[in-house]
PDB file of N, CA and C in Angstrom:
ATOM      1  N   UNK A   1    -148.814 -56.928  53.022  1.00  0.00           N
ATOM      2  CA  UNK A   1    -147.854 -56.845  51.940  1.00  0.00           C
ATOM      3  C   UNK A   1    -146.500 -56.500  52.542  1.00  0.00           C
ATOM      4  N   UNK A   2    -145.435 -56.970  51.961  1.00  0.00           N
ATOM      5  CA  UNK A   2    -144.096 -56.730  52.496  1.00  0.00           C
ATOM      6  C   UNK A   2    -143.758 -55.257  52.436  1.00  0.00           C
ATOM      7  N   UNK A   3    -143.069 -54.810  53.443  1.00  0.00           N
ATOM      8  CA  UNK A   3    -142.673 -53.415  53.491  1.00  0.00           C
ATOM      9  C   UNK A   3    -141.365 -53.174  52.777  1.00  0.00           C
ATOM     10  N   UNK A   4    -141.187 -51.971  52.325  1.00  0.00           N
ATOM     11  CA  UNK A   4    -139.949 -51.577  51.667  1.00  0.00           C
ATOM     12  C   UNK A   4    -139.044 -50.916  52.670  1.00  0.00           C
ATOM     13  N   UNK A   5    -138.132 -50.069  52.210  1.00  0.00           N
ATOM     14  CA  UNK A   5    -137.238 -49.352  53.122  1.00  0.00           C
ATOM     15  C   UNK A   5    -138.039 -48.539  54.133  1.00  0.00           C
ATOM     16  N   UNK A   6    -137.657 -48.615  55.359  1.00  0.00           N
ATOM     17  CA  UNK A   6    -138.343 -47.865  56.403  1.00  0.00           C
ATOM     18  C   UNK A   6    -139.714 -48.424  56.742  1.00  0.00           C
ATOM     19  N   UNK A   7    -140.019 -49.630  56.273  1.00  0.00           N
ATOM     20  CA  UNK A   7    -141.293 -50.248  56.584  1.00  0.00           C
ATOM     21  C   UNK A   7    -142.440 -49.768  55.723  1.00  0.00           C
ATOM     22  N   UNK A   8    -142.156 -49.002  54.664  1.00  0.00           N
ATOM     23  CA  UNK A   8    -143.210 -48.508  53.790  1.00  0.00           C
ATOM     24  C   UNK A   8    -143.889 -49.676  53.077  1.00  0.00           C
ATOM     25  N   UNK A   9    -145.158 -49.549  52.841  1.00  0.00           N
ATOM     26  CA  UNK A   9    -145.905 -50.591  52.144  1.00  0.00           C
ATOM     27  C   UNK A   9    -145.507 -50.576  50.681  1.00  0.00           C
ATOM     28  N   UNK A  10    -145.258 -51.753  50.124  1.00  0.00           N
ATOM     29  CA  UNK A  10    -144.859 -51.861  48.724  1.00  0.00           C
ATOM     30  C   UNK A  10    -145.990 -51.405  47.819  1.00  0.00           C
ATOM     31  N   UNK A  11    -145.619 -50.909  46.650  1.00  0.00           N
ATOM     32  CA  UNK A  11    -146.576 -50.470  45.649  1.00  0.00           C
ATOM     33  C   UNK A  11    -147.477 -51.644  45.268  1.00  0.00           C
ATOM     34  N   UNK A  12    -148.737 -51.372  44.970  1.00  0.00           N
ATOM     35  CA  UNK A  12    -149.682 -52.422  44.602  1.00  0.00           C
ATOM     36  C   UNK A  12    -149.297 -53.086  43.285  1.00  0.00           C
ATOM     37  N   UNK A  13    -148.532 -52.406  42.434  1.00  0.00           N
ATOM     38  CA  UNK A  13    -148.089 -52.958  41.159  1.00  0.00           C
ATOM     39  C   UNK A  13    -146.751 -53.664  41.363  1.00  0.00           C
ATOM     40  N   UNK A  14    -146.710 -54.989  41.256  1.00  0.00           N
ATOM     41  CA  UNK A  14    -145.455 -55.715  41.497  1.00  0.00           C
ATOM     42  C   UNK A  14    -144.369 -55.391  40.480  1.00  0.00           C
ATOM     43  N   UNK A  15    -144.754 -54.836  39.334  1.00  0.00           N
ATOM     44  CA  UNK A  15    -143.773 -54.492  38.316  1.00  0.00           C
ATOM     45  C   UNK A  15    -143.209 -53.087  38.478  1.00  0.00           C
ATOM     46  N   UNK A  16    -143.648 -52.364  39.501  1.00  0.00           N
ATOM     47  CA  UNK A  16    -143.165 -51.006  39.715  1.00  0.00           C
ATOM     48  C   UNK A  16    -141.673 -51.003  40.034  1.00  0.00           C
ATOM     49  N   UNK A  17    -141.188 -52.012  40.738  1.00  0.00           N
ATOM     50  CA  UNK A  17    -139.763 -52.188  41.010  1.00  0.00           C
ATOM     51  C   UNK A  17    -139.311 -53.387  40.184  1.00  0.00           C
ATOM     52  N   UNK A  18    -138.795 -53.114  38.988  1.00  0.00           N
ATOM     53  CA  UNK A  18    -138.520 -54.199  38.046  1.00  0.00           C
ATOM     54  C   UNK A  18    -137.473 -55.180  38.560  1.00  0.00           C
ATOM     55  N   UNK A  19    -136.488 -54.704  39.321  1.00  0.00           N
ATOM     56  CA  UNK A  19    -135.462 -55.621  39.841  1.00  0.00           C
ATOM     57  C   UNK A  19    -136.048 -56.578  40.874  1.00  0.00           C
ATOM     58  N   UNK A  20    -136.869 -56.055  41.760  1.00  0.00           N
ATOM     59  CA  UNK A  20    -137.507 -56.911  42.769  1.00  0.00           C
ATOM     60  C   UNK A  20    -138.479 -57.880  42.093  1.00  0.00           C
ATOM     61  N   UNK A  21    -139.172 -57.405  41.067  1.00  0.00           N
ATOM     62  CA  UNK A  21    -140.110 -58.266  40.343  1.00  0.00           C
ATOM     63  C   UNK A  21    -139.368 -59.416  39.666  1.00  0.00           C
ATOM     64  N   UNK A  22    -138.268 -59.123  38.988  1.00  0.00           N
ATOM     65  CA  UNK A  22    -137.489 -60.162  38.320  1.00  0.00           C
ATOM     66  C   UNK A  22    -136.900 -61.135  39.340  1.00  0.00           C
ATOM     67  N   UNK A  23    -136.468 -60.619  40.480  1.00  0.00           N
ATOM     68  CA  UNK A  23    -135.943 -61.492  41.526  1.00  0.00           C
ATOM     69  C   UNK A  23    -137.015 -62.478  41.989  1.00  0.00           C
ATOM     70  N   UNK A  24    -138.216 -61.972  42.185  1.00  0.00           N
ATOM     71  CA  UNK A  24    -139.322 -62.828  42.618  1.00  0.00           C
ATOM     72  C   UNK A  24    -139.641 -63.875  41.562  1.00  0.00           C
ATOM     73  N   UNK A  25    -139.687 -63.476  40.299  1.00  0.00           N
ATOM     74  CA  UNK A  25    -139.988 -64.411  39.215  1.00  0.00           C
ATOM     75  C   UNK A  25    -138.909 -65.486  39.129  1.00  0.00           C
ATOM     76  N   UNK A  26    -137.640 -65.075  39.188  1.00  0.00           N
ATOM     77  CA  UNK A  26    -136.541 -66.042  39.099  1.00  0.00           C
ATOM     78  C   UNK A  26    -136.542 -67.008  40.282  1.00  0.00           C
ATOM     79  N   UNK A  27    -136.805 -66.490  41.472  1.00  0.00           N
ATOM     80  CA  UNK A  27    -136.862 -67.363  42.646  1.00  0.00           C
ATOM     81  C   UNK A  27    -138.013 -68.358  42.527  1.00  0.00           C
ATOM     82  N   UNK A  28    -139.158 -67.899  42.034  1.00  0.00           N
ATOM     83  CA  UNK A  28    -140.306 -68.794  41.866  1.00  0.00           C
ATOM     84  C   UNK A  28    -139.992 -69.884  40.840  1.00  0.00           C
ATOM     85  N   UNK A  29    -139.374 -69.497  39.728  1.00  0.00           N
ATOM     86  CA  UNK A  29    -138.996 -70.484  38.715  1.00  0.00           C
ATOM     87  C   UNK A  29    -138.015 -71.502  39.286  1.00  0.00           C
ATOM     88  N   UNK A  30    -137.075 -71.034  40.098  1.00  0.00           N
ATOM     89  CA  UNK A  30    -136.096 -71.946  40.702  1.00  0.00           C
ATOM     90  C   UNK A  30    -136.787 -72.934  41.641  1.00  0.00           C
ATOM     91  N   UNK A  31    -137.715 -72.440  42.459  1.00  0.00           N
ATOM     92  CA  UNK A  31    -138.437 -73.312  43.393  1.00  0.00           C
ATOM     93  C   UNK A  31    -139.248 -74.356  42.632  1.00  0.00           C
ATOM     94  N   UNK A  32    -139.805 -73.955  41.498  1.00  0.00           N
ATOM     95  CA  UNK A  32    -140.612 -74.871  40.685  1.00  0.00           C
ATOM     96  C   UNK A  32    -139.769 -75.793  39.813  1.00  0.00           C
ATOM     97  N   UNK A  33    -138.452 -75.586  39.827  1.00  0.00           N
ATOM     98  CA  UNK A  33    -137.566 -76.408  39.012  1.00  0.00           C
ATOM     99  C   UNK A  33    -137.644 -76.077  37.531  1.00  0.00           C
ATOM    100  N   UNK A  34    -138.052 -74.861  37.210  1.00  0.00           N
ATOM    101  CA  UNK A  34    -138.238 -74.466  35.812  1.00  0.00           C
ATOM    102  C   UNK A  34    -137.283 -73.364  35.381  1.00  0.00           C
ATOM    103  N   UNK A  35    -136.326 -73.012  36.219  1.00  0.00           N
ATOM    104  CA  UNK A  35    -135.441 -71.895  35.899  1.00  0.00           C
ATOM    105  C   UNK A  35    -134.647 -72.162  34.622  1.00  0.00           C
ATOM    106  N   UNK A  36    -134.077 -73.353  34.489  1.00  0.00           N
ATOM    107  CA  UNK A  36    -133.282 -73.676  33.309  1.00  0.00           C
ATOM    108  C   UNK A  36    -134.072 -73.572  32.022  1.00  0.00           C
ATOM    109  N   UNK A  37    -135.257 -74.158  32.004  1.00  0.00           N
ATOM    110  CA  UNK A  37    -136.061 -74.114  30.776  1.00  0.00           C
ATOM    111  C   UNK A  37    -136.545 -72.696  30.476  1.00  0.00           C
ATOM    112  N   UNK A  38    -136.838 -71.927  31.521  1.00  0.00           N
ATOM    113  CA  UNK A  38    -137.269 -70.546  31.312  1.00  0.00           C
ATOM    114  C   UNK A  38    -136.137 -69.720  30.715  1.00  0.00           C
ATOM    115  N   UNK A  39    -134.919 -69.900  31.215  1.00  0.00           N
ATOM    116  CA  UNK A  39    -133.780 -69.159  30.673  1.00  0.00           C
ATOM    117  C   UNK A  39    -133.482 -69.588  29.242  1.00  0.00           C
ATOM    118  N   UNK A  40    -133.664 -70.868  28.929  1.00  0.00           N
ATOM    119  CA  UNK A  40    -133.498 -71.330  27.546  1.00  0.00           C
ATOM    120  C   UNK A  40    -134.507 -70.643  26.628  1.00  0.00           C
ATOM    121  N   UNK A  41    -135.742 -70.543  27.087  1.00  0.00           N
ATOM    122  CA  UNK A  41    -136.788 -69.891  26.301  1.00  0.00           C
ATOM    123  C   UNK A  41    -136.450 -68.424  26.064  1.00  0.00           C
ATOM    124  N   UNK A  42    -135.986 -67.744  27.108  1.00  0.00           N
ATOM    125  CA  UNK A  42    -135.602 -66.337  26.968  1.00  0.00           C
ATOM    126  C   UNK A  42    -134.459 -66.205  25.956  1.00  0.00           C
ATOM    127  N   UNK A  43    -133.455 -67.062  26.062  1.00  0.00           N
ATOM    128  CA  UNK A  43    -132.316 -67.010  25.154  1.00  0.00           C
ATOM    129  C   UNK A  43    -132.739 -67.233  23.700  1.00  0.00           C
ATOM    130  N   UNK A  44    -133.731 -68.082  23.485  1.00  0.00           N
ATOM    131  CA  UNK A  44    -134.222 -68.337  22.130  1.00  0.00           C
ATOM    132  C   UNK A  44    -135.002 -67.157  21.574  1.00  0.00           C
ATOM    133  N   UNK A  45    -135.710 -66.451  22.443  1.00  0.00           N
ATOM    134  CA  UNK A  45    -136.581 -65.363  21.989  1.00  0.00           C
ATOM    135  C   UNK A  45    -135.881 -64.030  21.846  1.00  0.00           C
ATOM    136  N   UNK A  46    -134.783 -63.815  22.552  1.00  0.00           N
ATOM    137  CA  UNK A  46    -134.133 -62.505  22.563  1.00  0.00           C
ATOM    138  C   UNK A  46    -133.766 -62.000  21.165  1.00  0.00           C
ATOM    139  N   UNK A  47    -133.126 -62.805  20.314  1.00  0.00           N
ATOM    140  CA  UNK A  47    -132.763 -62.269  18.988  1.00  0.00           C
ATOM    141  C   UNK A  47    -133.975 -61.761  18.193  1.00  0.00           C
ATOM    142  N   UNK A  48    -135.058 -62.511  18.200  1.00  0.00           N
ATOM    143  CA  UNK A  48    -136.260 -62.085  17.484  1.00  0.00           C
ATOM    144  C   UNK A  48    -136.889 -60.843  18.082  1.00  0.00           C
ATOM    145  N   UNK A  49    -136.905 -60.764  19.406  1.00  0.00           N
ATOM    146  CA  UNK A  49    -137.472 -59.593  20.079  1.00  0.00           C
ATOM    147  C   UNK A  49    -136.644 -58.334  19.788  1.00  0.00           C
ATOM    148  N   UNK A  50    -135.320 -58.469  19.820  1.00  0.00           N
ATOM    149  CA  UNK A  50    -134.462 -57.320  19.527  1.00  0.00           C
ATOM    150  C   UNK A  50    -134.640 -56.888  18.074  1.00  0.00           C
ATOM    151  N   UNK A  51    -134.704 -57.855  17.161  1.00  0.00           N
ATOM    152  CA  UNK A  51    -134.912 -57.532  15.750  1.00  0.00           C
ATOM    153  C   UNK A  51    -136.220 -56.761  15.562  1.00  0.00           C
ATOM    154  N   UNK A  52    -137.285 -57.237  16.176  1.00  0.00           N
ATOM    155  CA  UNK A  52    -138.582 -56.570  16.069  1.00  0.00           C
ATOM    156  C   UNK A  52    -138.526 -55.162  16.658  1.00  0.00           C
ATOM    157  N   UNK A  53    -137.839 -55.000  17.777  1.00  0.00           N
ATOM    158  CA  UNK A  53    -137.707 -53.688  18.402  1.00  0.00           C
ATOM    159  C   UNK A  53    -136.961 -52.725  17.490  1.00  0.00           C
ATOM    160  N   UNK A  54    -135.861 -53.182  16.884  1.00  0.00           N
ATOM    161  CA  UNK A  54    -135.078 -52.333  15.991  1.00  0.00           C
ATOM    162  C   UNK A  54    -135.903 -51.967  14.758  1.00  0.00           C
ATOM    163  N   UNK A  55    -136.598 -52.943  14.186  1.00  0.00           N
ATOM    164  CA  UNK A  55    -137.428 -52.665  12.999  1.00  0.00           C
ATOM    165  C   UNK A  55    -138.509 -51.636  13.316  1.00  0.00           C
ATOM    166  N   UNK A  56    -139.184 -51.797  14.439  1.00  0.00           N
ATOM    167  CA  UNK A  56    -140.224 -50.849  14.836  1.00  0.00           C
ATOM    168  C   UNK A  56    -139.649 -49.451  15.049  1.00  0.00           C
ATOM    169  N   UNK A  57    -138.485 -49.394  15.694  1.00  0.00           N
ATOM    170  CA  UNK A  57    -137.842 -48.104  15.940  1.00  0.00           C
ATOM    171  C   UNK A  57    -137.454 -47.442  14.630  1.00  0.00           C
ATOM    172  N   UNK A  58    -136.891 -48.207  13.709  1.00  0.00           N
ATOM    173  CA  UNK A  58    -136.506 -47.655  12.403  1.00  0.00           C
ATOM    174  C   UNK A  58    -137.739 -47.137  11.650  1.00  0.00           C
ATOM    175  N   UNK A  59    -138.826 -47.883  11.702  1.00  0.00           N
ATOM    176  CA  UNK A  59    -140.062 -47.439  11.043  1.00  0.00           C
ATOM    177  C   UNK A  59    -140.574 -46.135  11.642  1.00  0.00           C
ATOM    178  N   UNK A  60    -140.512 -46.024  12.964  1.00  0.00           N
ATOM    179  CA  UNK A  60    -140.971 -44.810  13.625  1.00  0.00           C
ATOM    180  C   UNK A  60    -140.080 -43.616  13.277  1.00  0.00           C
ATOM    181  N   UNK A  61    -138.781 -43.859  13.176  1.00  0.00           N
ATOM    182  CA  UNK A  61    -137.852 -42.776  12.831  1.00  0.00           C
ATOM    183  C   UNK A  61    -138.107 -42.314  11.398  1.00  0.00           C
ATOM    184  N   UNK A  62    -138.359 -43.254  10.485  1.00  0.00           N
ATOM    185  CA  UNK A  62    -138.630 -42.904   9.091  1.00  0.00           C
ATOM    186  C   UNK A  62    -139.904 -42.062   8.960  1.00  0.00           C
ATOM    187  N   UNK A  63    -140.887 -42.291   9.833  1.00  0.00           N
ATOM    188  CA  UNK A  63    -142.139 -41.556   9.781  1.00  0.00           C
ATOM    189  C   UNK A  63    -141.973 -40.104  10.212  1.00  0.00           C
ATOM    190  N   UNK A  64    -140.925 -39.795  10.915  1.00  0.00           N
ATOM    191  CA  UNK A  64    -140.751 -38.416  11.421  1.00  0.00           C
ATOM    192  C   UNK A  64    -140.218 -37.494  10.404  1.00  0.00           C
TER     193      UNK A  64
END
């Protein structure tokens, strides 16, 4: 497994370093020629995901 700073072995969970994980995902999508369509999909989903997050948060706050 690739080493981190000082040659340390990377964590077994690839999502532990979210920036490195996103970099790997984006690079893989680019190599596969799917980066554009993936970014379009993300752009389409963001408004709905944010709305759902806000609604859930508001519901949780009301319960307190």
